[in-house]
Protein backbone atom coordinates (compact mmCIF):
# COMPACT_ATOMS: atom_id res chain seq x y z
CA UNK A 1 -6.45 -1.68 -16.17
CA UNK A 2 -5.94 0.68 -19.00
CA UNK A 3 -6.17 -2.39 -21.48
CA UNK A 4 -3.01 -4.31 -20.64
CA UNK A 5 -2.61 -8.00 -19.97
CA UNK A 6 -3.72 -8.26 -16.16
CA UNK A 7 -1.87 -9.41 -13.70
CA UNK A 8 -2.79 -10.80 -10.29
CA UNK A 9 -1.00 -10.81 -7.29
CA UNK A 10 -1.03 -13.08 -3.66
CA UNK A 11 -1.63 -10.83 -0.58
CA UNK A 12 -0.24 -14.17 1.83
CA UNK A 13 2.97 -13.51 -0.50
CA UNK A 14 3.31 -10.02 0.91
CA UNK A 15 1.35 -9.54 3.88
CA UNK A 16 4.24 -10.02 6.78
CA UNK A 17 5.38 -6.79 5.38
CA UNK A 18 1.88 -5.08 4.28
CA UNK A 19 1.34 -2.02 5.58
CA UNK A 20 -2.25 -0.14 5.00
CA UNK A 21 -2.49 3.86 6.10
CA UNK A 22 -5.85 5.40 5.98
CA UNK A 23 -8.00 8.18 8.34
CA UNK A 24 -9.94 5.29 9.46
CA UNK A 25 -8.83 1.89 11.11
CA UNK A 26 -9.77 -0.98 10.69
CA UNK A 27 -10.97 -0.65 14.40
CA UNK A 28 -11.91 1.38 16.86
CA UNK A 29 -12.44 1.66 20.67
CA UNK A 30 -15.40 2.39 23.51
CA UNK A 31 -15.87 2.30 26.57
CA UNK A 32 -18.06 -0.41 27.95
CA UNK A 33 -20.83 -0.34 30.73
CA UNK A 34 -17.39 -1.26 33.66
CA UNK A 35 -15.30 1.63 32.15
CA UNK A 36 -13.28 -0.40 30.64
CA UNK A 37 -11.48 -0.02 26.38
CA UNK A 38 -13.46 -2.51 24.12
CA UNK A 39 -12.98 -2.97 20.51
CA UNK A 40 -15.03 -2.08 18.15
CA UNK A 41 -14.99 -2.69 13.70
CA UNK A 42 -14.75 0.39 11.97
CA UNK A 43 -16.64 2.32 10.60
CA UNK A 44 -17.10 2.87 6.97
CA UNK A 45 -17.05 0.84 3.00
CA UNK A 46 -12.71 1.42 2.74
CA UNK A 47 -13.14 -0.86 6.53
CA UNK A 48 -15.65 -3.27 5.19
CA UNK A 49 -14.39 -3.72 1.96
CA UNK A 50 -10.64 -3.99 2.91
CA UNK A 51 -10.77 -5.69 6.09
CA UNK A 52 -11.91 -9.84 5.34
CA UNK A 53 -8.64 -9.74 2.61
CA UNK A 54 -6.60 -9.09 4.50
CA UNK A 55 -7.47 -10.60 8.15
CA UNK A 56 -5.47 -12.88 9.69
CA UNK A 57 -2.03 -12.41 6.72
CA UNK A 58 -0.26 -9.76 10.18
CA UNK A 59 -0.69 -7.27 7.83
CA UNK A 60 -0.14 -3.72 9.81
CA UNK A 61 -2.49 -1.09 9.17
CA UNK A 62 -2.33 2.23 10.53
CA UNK A 63 -4.86 4.67 11.15
CA UNK A 64 -6.00 8.46 12.94
CA UNK A 65 -7.25 8.33 16.58
CA UNK A 66 -10.21 10.10 16.17
CA UNK A 67 -12.23 9.58 19.37
CA UNK A 68 -11.08 10.06 23.37
CA UNK A 69 -11.50 6.06 23.01
CA UNK A 70 -8.96 5.61 20.09
CA UNK A 71 -6.06 7.96 22.22
CA UNK A 72 -6.15 6.29 25.15
CA UNK A 73 -6.00 2.91 23.48
CA UNK A 74 -3.15 4.87 21.03
CA UNK A 75 -0.69 4.91 23.91
CA UNK A 76 -0.97 1.20 23.85
CA UNK A 77 1.54 1.10 19.98
CA UNK A 78 0.94 -1.66 17.92
CA UNK A 79 -2.33 -3.60 18.65
CA UNK A 80 -3.54 -6.95 16.93
CA UNK A 81 -6.92 -7.76 16.69
CA UNK A 82 -8.11 -10.54 14.13
CA UNK A 83 -3.90 -10.79 12.79
CA UNK A 84 -3.83 -7.57 11.51
CA UNK A 85 -1.80 -5.16 13.70
CA UNK A 86 -3.24 -1.95 14.30
CA UNK A 87 -1.36 1.21 15.34
CA UNK A 88 -3.38 4.51 15.86
CA UNK A 89 -2.06 7.52 15.63
CA UNK A 90 -2.69 9.85 18.67
CA UNK A 91 -2.83 13.29 16.95
CA UNK A 92 -3.50 16.59 18.35
CA UNK A 93 -7.84 16.89 18.30
CA UNK A 94 -7.14 20.20 16.94
CA UNK A 95 -4.67 19.48 14.41
CA UNK A 96 -6.29 17.08 13.36
CA UNK A 97 -9.90 19.06 14.04
CA UNK A 98 -8.24 21.13 10.89
CA UNK A 99 -6.93 18.75 8.78
CA UNK A 100 -10.28 16.61 8.49
CA UNK A 101 -13.18 18.91 8.49
CA UNK A 102 -11.45 21.91 6.79
CA UNK A 103 -8.52 20.72 4.14
CA UNK A 104 -10.10 16.93 3.68
CA UNK A 105 -14.09 17.16 3.88
CA UNK A 106 -14.26 21.22 2.96
CA UNK A 107 -11.41 22.02 0.36
CA UNK A 108 -10.11 18.53 -1.23
CA UNK A 109 -14.22 16.33 -0.87
CA UNK A 110 -15.49 19.73 -2.11
CA UNK A 111 -13.16 20.68 -4.85
CA UNK A 112 -13.53 16.99 -6.26
CA UNK A 113 -17.22 16.94 -6.27
CA UNK A 114 -16.87 20.34 -7.62
CA UNK A 115 -19.45 21.56 -5.26
CA UNK A 116 -18.59 24.68 -4.44
CA UNK A 117 -20.54 28.01 -4.74
CA UNK A 118 -17.81 29.56 -6.27
CA UNK A 119 -19.56 33.01 -5.50
CA UNK A 120 -19.35 32.57 -2.15
CA UNK A 121 -17.06 29.69 -1.30
CA UNK A 122 -13.85 29.21 -0.95
CA UNK A 123 -12.26 32.25 0.80
CA UNK A 124 -8.96 30.29 1.60
CA UNK A 125 -7.59 33.14 3.61
CA UNK A 126 -4.82 33.26 6.71
CA UNK A 127 -6.93 30.53 8.46
CA UNK A 128 -7.34 28.05 5.87
CA UNK A 129 -4.15 28.11 4.94
CA UNK A 130 -3.06 27.53 8.92
CA UNK A 131 -6.10 24.12 8.03
CA UNK A 132 -3.67 23.39 5.33
CA UNK A 133 -0.72 23.26 7.15
CA UNK A 134 -1.84 20.97 10.23
CA UNK A 135 -2.67 19.01 6.58
CA UNK A 136 0.52 18.51 6.24
CA UNK A 137 1.24 17.73 10.12
CA UNK A 138 -0.67 15.79 9.79
CA UNK A 139 0.53 13.67 6.57
CA UNK A 140 3.73 13.86 7.99
CA UNK A 141 2.96 11.89 11.34
CA UNK A 142 1.01 9.47 9.08
CA UNK A 143 4.76 8.57 6.78
CA UNK A 144 6.58 8.77 9.94
CA UNK A 145 4.91 5.46 11.81
CA UNK A 146 4.69 4.31 7.95
CA UNK A 147 8.06 4.32 8.10
CA UNK A 148 8.74 3.15 11.66
CA UNK A 149 7.05 0.50 11.70
CA UNK A 150 7.31 -0.68 7.84
CA UNK A 151 10.26 -3.73 7.28
CA UNK A 152 13.21 -3.52 4.65
CA UNK A 153 11.12 -2.76 1.81
CA UNK A 154 7.65 -3.44 2.55
CA UNK A 155 4.51 -2.80 0.22
CA UNK A 156 3.25 0.79 0.89
CA UNK A 157 -1.33 0.81 0.74
CA UNK A 158 -2.08 4.60 1.23
CA UNK A 159 -5.94 4.88 1.08
CA UNK A 160 -7.45 8.58 -0.20
CA UNK A 161 -7.67 11.85 -0.56
CA UNK A 162 -6.60 12.31 3.34
CA UNK A 163 -3.96 11.11 2.78
CA UNK A 164 -2.23 12.66 -0.27
CA UNK A 165 1.11 14.30 1.19
CA UNK A 166 2.82 11.36 2.81
CA UNK A 167 3.88 10.03 -0.32
CA UNK A 168 6.41 12.74 -0.13
CA UNK A 169 8.34 12.09 3.16
CA UNK A 170 8.36 8.27 2.26
CA UNK A 171 10.40 8.69 -1.41
CA UNK A 172 13.11 11.16 0.62
CA UNK A 173 13.52 8.74 3.38
CA UNK A 174 12.70 5.23 2.66
CA UNK A 175 13.08 4.75 -0.98
CA UNK A 176 13.10 0.97 -0.28
CA UNK A 177 9.60 1.74 0.14
CA UNK A 178 6.83 -0.04 -2.27
CA UNK A 179 4.31 3.04 -1.66
CA UNK A 180 1.64 3.39 -3.68
CA UNK A 181 -2.14 6.00 -3.37
CA UNK A 182 -5.36 5.14 -4.33
CA UNK A 183 -8.41 8.05 -4.32
CA UNK A 184 -11.93 6.54 -3.37
CA UNK A 185 -13.24 9.97 -5.39
CA UNK A 186 -12.80 11.80 -8.90
CA UNK A 187 -10.25 13.93 -9.37
CA UNK A 188 -10.51 17.50 -10.69
CA UNK A 189 -9.44 18.63 -13.87
CA UNK A 190 -6.99 21.72 -14.65
CA UNK A 191 -9.63 24.78 -14.50
CA UNK A 192 -10.89 23.55 -11.05
CA UNK A 193 -7.45 22.99 -9.63
CA UNK A 194 -7.02 26.30 -10.42
CA UNK A 195 -8.96 26.74 -7.56
CA UNK A 196 -5.93 26.35 -5.06
CA UNK A 197 -3.45 28.74 -4.52
CA UNK A 198 -0.70 27.83 -6.78
CA UNK A 199 1.91 27.28 -4.20
CA UNK A 200 -0.78 24.50 -2.73
CA UNK A 201 -1.69 22.75 -5.54
CA UNK A 202 1.66 22.13 -6.49
CA UNK A 203 3.22 20.61 -3.05
CA UNK A 204 -0.62 18.29 -3.69
CA UNK A 205 0.53 16.89 -6.46
CA UNK A 206 4.03 16.50 -5.70
CA UNK A 207 3.04 14.77 -2.80
CA UNK A 208 0.59 12.09 -5.12
CA UNK A 209 3.12 12.14 -7.92
CA UNK A 210 6.42 10.52 -5.41
CA UNK A 211 3.96 6.82 -4.67
CA UNK A 212 5.34 5.04 -7.17
CA UNK A 213 1.82 4.99 -8.31
CA UNK A 214 -1.29 6.08 -8.16
CA UNK A 215 -4.47 4.51 -8.38
CA UNK A 216 -8.32 5.37 -8.84
CA UNK A 217 -11.85 3.56 -9.94
CA UNK A 218 -12.05 4.72 -12.90
CA UNK A 219 -9.51 6.26 -16.55
CA UNK A 220 -11.89 9.50 -16.29
CA UNK A 221 -9.85 10.28 -12.82
CA UNK A 222 -6.93 8.64 -13.45
CA UNK A 223 -7.10 10.75 -16.95
CA UNK A 224 -7.61 14.19 -14.61
CA UNK A 225 -4.75 13.75 -12.18
CA UNK A 226 -2.58 12.66 -15.54
CA UNK A 227 -3.11 16.27 -16.99
CA UNK A 228 -3.20 18.60 -13.87
CA UNK A 229 0.08 17.14 -12.99
CA UNK A 230 1.32 17.70 -16.37
CA UNK A 231 0.07 21.39 -16.30
CA UNK A 232 1.28 22.28 -12.78
CA UNK A 233 4.13 20.12 -12.34
CA UNK A 234 5.15 19.11 -16.56
CA UNK A 235 5.77 15.75 -16.06
CA UNK A 236 3.31 12.57 -15.87
CA UNK A 237 3.11 10.17 -12.81
CA UNK A 238 2.28 6.52 -12.49
CA UNK A 239 -1.01 5.71 -12.49
CA UNK A 240 -3.81 2.72 -12.76
CA UNK A 241 -7.19 1.97 -12.76
CA UNK A 242 -8.61 -0.13 -10.36
CA UNK A 243 -12.23 0.07 -9.65
CA UNK A 244 -13.61 -1.59 -6.43
CA UNK A 245 -16.36 -3.81 -5.98
CA UNK A 246 -18.54 -5.22 -3.22
CA UNK A 247 -17.97 -8.31 -1.27
CA UNK A 248 -20.66 -10.89 -2.95
CA UNK A 249 -19.99 -13.17 0.24
CA UNK A 250 -19.86 -10.34 3.23
CA UNK A 251 -23.38 -9.07 1.05
CA UNK A 252 -24.70 -12.58 1.46
CA UNK A 253 -24.32 -13.27 4.94
CA UNK A 254 -25.47 -9.62 5.74
CA UNK A 255 -28.78 -10.40 3.54
CA UNK A 256 -29.82 -14.11 5.30
CA UNK A 257 -29.33 -12.34 8.81
CA UNK A 258 -31.92 -12.17 11.34
CA UNK A 259 -31.86 -8.40 11.63
CA UNK A 260 -32.48 -8.52 7.57
CA UNK A 261 -35.22 -10.63 7.59
CA UNK A 262 -37.12 -8.85 10.44
CA UNK A 263 -36.26 -5.57 8.56
CA UNK A 264 -37.36 -7.19 4.69
CA UNK A 265 -40.62 -8.20 6.68
CA UNK A 266 -41.23 -4.39 8.20
CA UNK A 267 -40.37 -2.84 4.61
CA UNK A 268 -43.19 -5.17 3.09
CA UNK A 269 -46.55 -4.54 5.70
CA UNK A 270 -45.60 -0.80 4.93
CA UNK A 271 -44.65 -0.73 0.88
CA UNK A 272 -47.67 -3.60 0.60
CA UNK A 273 -48.35 -4.70 -2.82
CA UNK A 274 -46.92 -0.56 -4.60
CA UNK A 275 -44.23 -0.37 -6.62
CA UNK A 276 -40.44 0.97 -4.80
CA UNK A 277 -38.17 3.08 -5.67
CA UNK A 278 -35.17 3.21 -3.71
CA UNK A 279 -32.29 5.06 -2.58
CA UNK A 280 -29.51 3.97 -0.61
CA UNK A 281 -26.63 7.26 0.68
CA UNK A 282 -25.39 8.91 3.10
CA UNK A 283 -26.84 12.78 3.12
CA UNK A 284 -24.08 13.97 1.68
CA UNK A 285 -23.84 17.29 -1.02
CA UNK A 286 -22.66 14.64 -4.17
CA UNK A 287 -25.45 12.47 -3.49
CA UNK A 288 -27.99 14.94 -5.64
CA UNK A 289 -31.04 13.55 -2.72
CA UNK A 290 -32.80 17.01 -3.85
CA UNK A 291 -33.33 16.16 -7.16
CA UNK A 292 -33.55 12.89 -7.03
CA UNK A 293 -36.99 13.54 -5.04
CA UNK A 294 -37.69 16.70 -7.13
CA UNK A 295 -37.96 14.36 -9.98
CA UNK A 296 -40.56 11.91 -7.89
CA UNK A 297 -42.39 14.59 -7.69
CA UNK A 298 -42.96 15.68 -11.00
CA UNK A 299 -43.05 11.91 -12.09
CA UNK A 300 -46.20 12.17 -9.42
CA UNK A 301 -47.51 15.37 -11.70
CA UNK A 302 -46.57 14.06 -15.41
CA UNK A 303 -47.99 10.56 -14.17
CA UNK A 304 -51.31 11.14 -12.48
CA UNK A 305 -51.91 6.76 -12.76
CA UNK A 306 -48.29 5.87 -9.97
CA UNK A 307 -50.11 8.55 -7.60
CA UNK A 308 -50.88 6.26 -4.05
CA UNK A 309 -49.43 2.92 -5.92
CA UNK A 310 -45.38 3.57 -5.96
CA UNK A 311 -43.42 4.59 -2.75
CA UNK A 312 -39.66 5.67 -2.55
CA UNK A 313 -38.07 4.45 -0.04
CA UNK A 314 -34.80 6.87 1.11
CA UNK A 315 -31.98 4.87 3.51
CA UNK A 316 -30.06 7.71 3.86
CA UNK A 317 -28.19 9.00 6.65
CA UNK A 318 -26.16 11.56 7.58
CA UNK A 319 -22.80 12.52 7.21
CA UNK A 320 -19.90 15.41 8.64
CA UNK A 321 -22.34 17.61 10.30
CA UNK A 322 -19.39 19.14 11.70
CA UNK A 323 -19.72 21.10 8.38
CA UNK A 324 -22.16 23.48 8.16
CA UNK A 325 -23.18 23.07 4.39
CA UNK A 326 -23.69 19.03 5.94
CA UNK A 327 -25.71 20.62 8.25
CA UNK A 328 -27.60 22.91 6.12
CA UNK A 329 -27.99 20.59 3.82
CA UNK A 330 -29.69 17.63 6.34
CA UNK A 331 -32.22 19.76 7.19
CA UNK A 332 -33.49 21.07 3.69
CA UNK A 333 -33.81 17.01 2.63
CA UNK A 334 -35.59 16.48 5.31
CA UNK A 335 -37.87 19.84 4.20
CA UNK A 336 -38.13 18.45 1.02
CA UNK A 337 -39.07 15.50 1.50
CA UNK A 338 -42.16 16.40 4.86
CA UNK A 339 -43.26 19.23 2.08
CA UNK A 340 -43.33 16.18 -1.02
CA UNK A 341 -45.83 14.24 1.49
CA UNK A 342 -48.12 16.68 2.75
CA UNK A 343 -49.13 18.04 -0.42
CA UNK A 344 -49.22 14.46 -2.66
CA UNK A 345 -49.56 12.14 0.94
CA UNK A 346 -52.96 10.82 0.90
CA UNK A 347 -54.35 8.36 4.27
CA UNK A 348 -52.57 4.60 3.94
CA UNK A 349 -49.98 6.34 1.75
CA UNK A 350 -47.07 8.74 2.46
CA UNK A 351 -45.14 9.21 -0.72
CA UNK A 352 -41.23 9.58 0.28
CA UNK A 353 -40.02 7.30 3.46
CA UNK A 354 -37.31 9.05 4.76
CA UNK A 355 -35.22 6.99 7.03
CA UNK A 356 -32.01 8.85 7.68
CA UNK A 357 -30.42 6.11 10.81
CA UNK A 358 -27.53 3.84 10.08
CA UNK A 359 -29.22 0.59 9.44
CA UNK A 360 -26.61 -1.86 6.57
CA UNK A 361 -29.22 -5.02 7.65
CA UNK A 362 -32.11 -2.38 6.31
CA UNK A 363 -30.87 -1.52 4.00
CA UNK A 364 -29.78 -4.61 2.30
CA UNK A 365 -32.66 -6.07 2.92
CA UNK A 366 -34.43 -2.66 0.38
CA UNK A 367 -31.59 -3.23 -1.79
CA UNK A 368 -33.12 -6.97 -2.11
CA UNK A 369 -36.38 -5.46 -2.41
CA UNK A 370 -36.57 -2.07 -4.87
CA UNK A 371 -38.13 -2.26 -8.30
CA UNK A 372 -35.91 0.63 -9.40
CA UNK A 373 -32.86 2.35 -7.64
CA UNK A 374 -32.51 5.30 -7.91
CA UNK A 375 -28.21 6.58 -7.72
CA UNK A 376 -27.83 9.69 -9.67
CA UNK A 377 -24.59 11.66 -7.98
CA UNK A 378 -23.60 14.65 -9.42
CA UNK A 379 -20.36 13.03 -8.81
CA UNK A 380 -18.97 10.12 -7.72
CA UNK A 381 -15.58 7.95 -7.23
CA UNK A 382 -17.24 5.13 -7.96
CA UNK A 383 -20.87 4.13 -6.27
CA UNK A 384 -21.41 0.56 -4.31
CA UNK A 385 -24.34 1.33 -4.21
CA UNK A 386 -24.73 0.85 -8.10
CA UNK A 387 -23.58 -2.54 -7.90
CA UNK A 388 -25.06 -3.67 -4.26
CA UNK A 389 -27.95 -3.08 -4.90
CA UNK A 390 -27.87 -5.34 -8.27
CA UNK A 391 -25.49 -8.04 -6.70
CA UNK A 392 -29.14 -8.93 -4.20
CA UNK A 393 -31.74 -7.75 -5.54
CA UNK A 394 -34.25 -10.61 -6.10
CA UNK A 395 -37.59 -8.83 -7.85
CA UNK A 396 -35.64 -8.28 -11.33
CA UNK A 397 -34.86 -4.73 -9.83
CA UNK A 398 -34.21 -1.61 -12.36
CA UNK A 399 -31.02 0.01 -12.16
CA UNK A 400 -31.20 3.99 -13.14
CA UNK A 401 -27.74 5.41 -12.99
CA UNK A 402 -26.12 9.14 -12.91
CA UNK A 403 -23.67 9.09 -15.70
CA UNK A 404 -21.28 11.13 -13.23
CA UNK A 405 -20.83 8.38 -11.88
CA UNK A 406 -18.20 6.25 -11.45
CA UNK A 407 -19.77 3.23 -11.37
CA UNK A 408 -21.22 4.15 -15.19
CA UNK A 409 -17.78 2.89 -17.13
CA UNK A 410 -18.34 -0.27 -16.15
CA UNK A 411 -22.29 -0.03 -16.21
CA UNK A 412 -22.72 2.08 -19.40
CA UNK A 413 -25.46 0.73 -22.07
CA UNK A 414 -26.51 -1.09 -19.34
CA UNK A 415 -28.55 0.54 -16.57
CA UNK A 416 -30.94 3.15 -17.93
CA UNK A 417 -28.99 6.37 -17.83
CA UNK A 418 -29.52 9.91 -16.51
CA UNK A 419 -28.20 13.44 -16.23
CA UNK A 420 -27.98 13.88 -12.12
CA UNK A 421 -29.39 17.45 -13.22
CA UNK A 422 -31.81 17.23 -15.13
CA UNK A 423 -35.16 17.23 -12.64
CA UNK A 424 -37.50 16.38 -16.15
CA UNK A 425 -35.06 13.77 -17.54
CA UNK A 426 -34.96 11.77 -14.78
CA UNK A 427 -38.53 12.06 -13.85
CA UNK A 428 -38.65 9.79 -17.51
CA UNK A 429 -36.29 8.19 -16.61
CA UNK A 430 -37.53 6.56 -13.58
CA UNK A 431 -41.46 6.74 -15.48
CA UNK A 432 -38.86 3.96 -18.40
CA UNK A 433 -38.29 1.77 -15.66
CA UNK A 434 -41.75 1.32 -13.97
CA UNK A 435 -43.26 0.63 -16.88
CA UNK A 436 -40.41 -1.57 -18.22
CA UNK A 437 -42.09 -5.15 -18.92
CA UNK A 438 -41.49 -8.39 -17.12
CA UNK A 439 -39.04 -10.18 -19.68
CA UNK A 440 -36.87 -6.19 -20.36
CA UNK A 441 -36.87 -6.42 -16.87
CA UNK A 442 -35.84 -10.00 -16.44
CA UNK A 443 -32.56 -8.85 -19.18
CA UNK A 444 -32.19 -5.79 -17.55
CA UNK A 445 -31.60 -7.58 -13.93
CA UNK A 446 -29.84 -10.11 -15.77
CA UNK A 447 -26.68 -8.53 -17.14
CA UNK A 448 -26.95 -6.04 -15.30
CA UNK A 449 -25.97 -8.46 -12.15
CA UNK A 450 -23.09 -9.71 -14.23
CA UNK A 451 -21.41 -7.14 -14.37
CA UNK A 452 -21.68 -6.05 -10.95
CA UNK A 453 -20.57 -8.79 -10.19
CA UNK A 454 -17.39 -8.84 -13.07
CA UNK A 455 -14.83 -7.51 -9.97
CA UNK A 456 -14.55 -8.70 -6.64
CA UNK A 457 -12.50 -6.62 -3.97
CA UNK A 458 -9.94 -8.74 -4.40
CA UNK A 459 -9.50 -8.11 -7.55
CA UNK A 460 -8.90 -4.21 -6.33
CA UNK A 461 -6.65 -4.92 -3.74
CA UNK A 462 -4.76 -7.46 -6.12
CA UNK A 463 -4.52 -4.69 -8.84
CA UNK A 464 -2.85 -2.17 -5.97
CA UNK A 465 -0.20 -4.65 -5.21
CA UNK A 466 1.20 -5.38 -8.73
CA UNK A 467 0.83 -1.58 -9.24
CA UNK A 468 3.21 -1.70 -6.29
CA UNK A 469 5.53 -4.66 -7.70
CA UNK A 470 4.76 -6.46 -5.18
CA UNK A 471 5.19 -9.96 -6.98
CA UNK A 472 2.73 -9.62 -9.98
CA UNK A 473 2.60 -12.22 -12.07
CA UNK A 474 0.99 -13.17 -14.87
């Protein structure tokens, strides 16, 4: 953490006094064939990373009721699942939609990832101001739930940009709580922040600065947040840096599962003895799928020896389709892949294998098999795929990584670097990766694997507990 001597904390010390708040909870609900409510594991990287660490501890987790089944279950109050207390917050559906779609995903996400086409968006009109009021209302509801569930002196871990204002009320009404906030995205710099109305920027930063500390995956994002606070609030908030890492045991379990083995066999049938370039992403604007495909096409054009000898496997599932920009982006991704396949494909060879189904075992099977893993986001808080791939790959695969991914801070000088906006440069690096000699590939894979395995998910959780002052020891 920022070069200071590392301290660790044991979650068992604070488990009964630990409250977690996030948009998605550790479970969600659906109806079975008989119409009865049943629980299913919550979706998303945060849940899959954090849930195993607190299972059986008696910690409490608060999340939004997103579906109708979730809202019905919320009437039960505090529930228990695998030794975790869970409370689902039944928010007004329209209020939640405005907060989630308009502010969280169409404003804060775009702002922090620099996705705005400023000649057209945003337009922060009266409707947007109503959405900001809804965002505040959702954050207030979470704060009230935290304060109701948290015992005296409890540790509270609030996750991500959906809940940036929760600390405002905790600091005012429950100063006994040890509350920290962790942002899983990048953070904008002061110039980008000026897009927001001044009063909104001030409220956003003041809410985050109300926590005991604010955490980020890299020093870059923490520094940007500090600069924004200095510019708008005239204060220096407490920050900490704690990169998230995959859970090796969970990855290994999936990699050895029958589902993963079946997917691996299918991939071998499709790929054969060809080389495989892989990407595993959501269809999300910041992930930069279009330029990845363009770079692959330039590789085929400038290095014709690879025509018919390499397949670009793109496992990319849809995301945030309630946001118009995302629906349009998916159409662009599918159209570009289809055009490249039509132009370059030959009988028996389809250059791009684009699969938009969400199939985690299949993704892990592909990560085991890749020759080149392309991770080229235009901007990313971290990007776990850049670590997951090297941990499970067994073909001495080469990692090609955007310098704008948060994971670059840990893997700089080890992964092959790309400027995500430079299509020709990316094509050159893909060619370099494909032609790397076997000994260099083995050395590359070994050092990247070691760097990806250096930290665990528990390190990330422990460092949040330490930042909250919850029993850290030298």
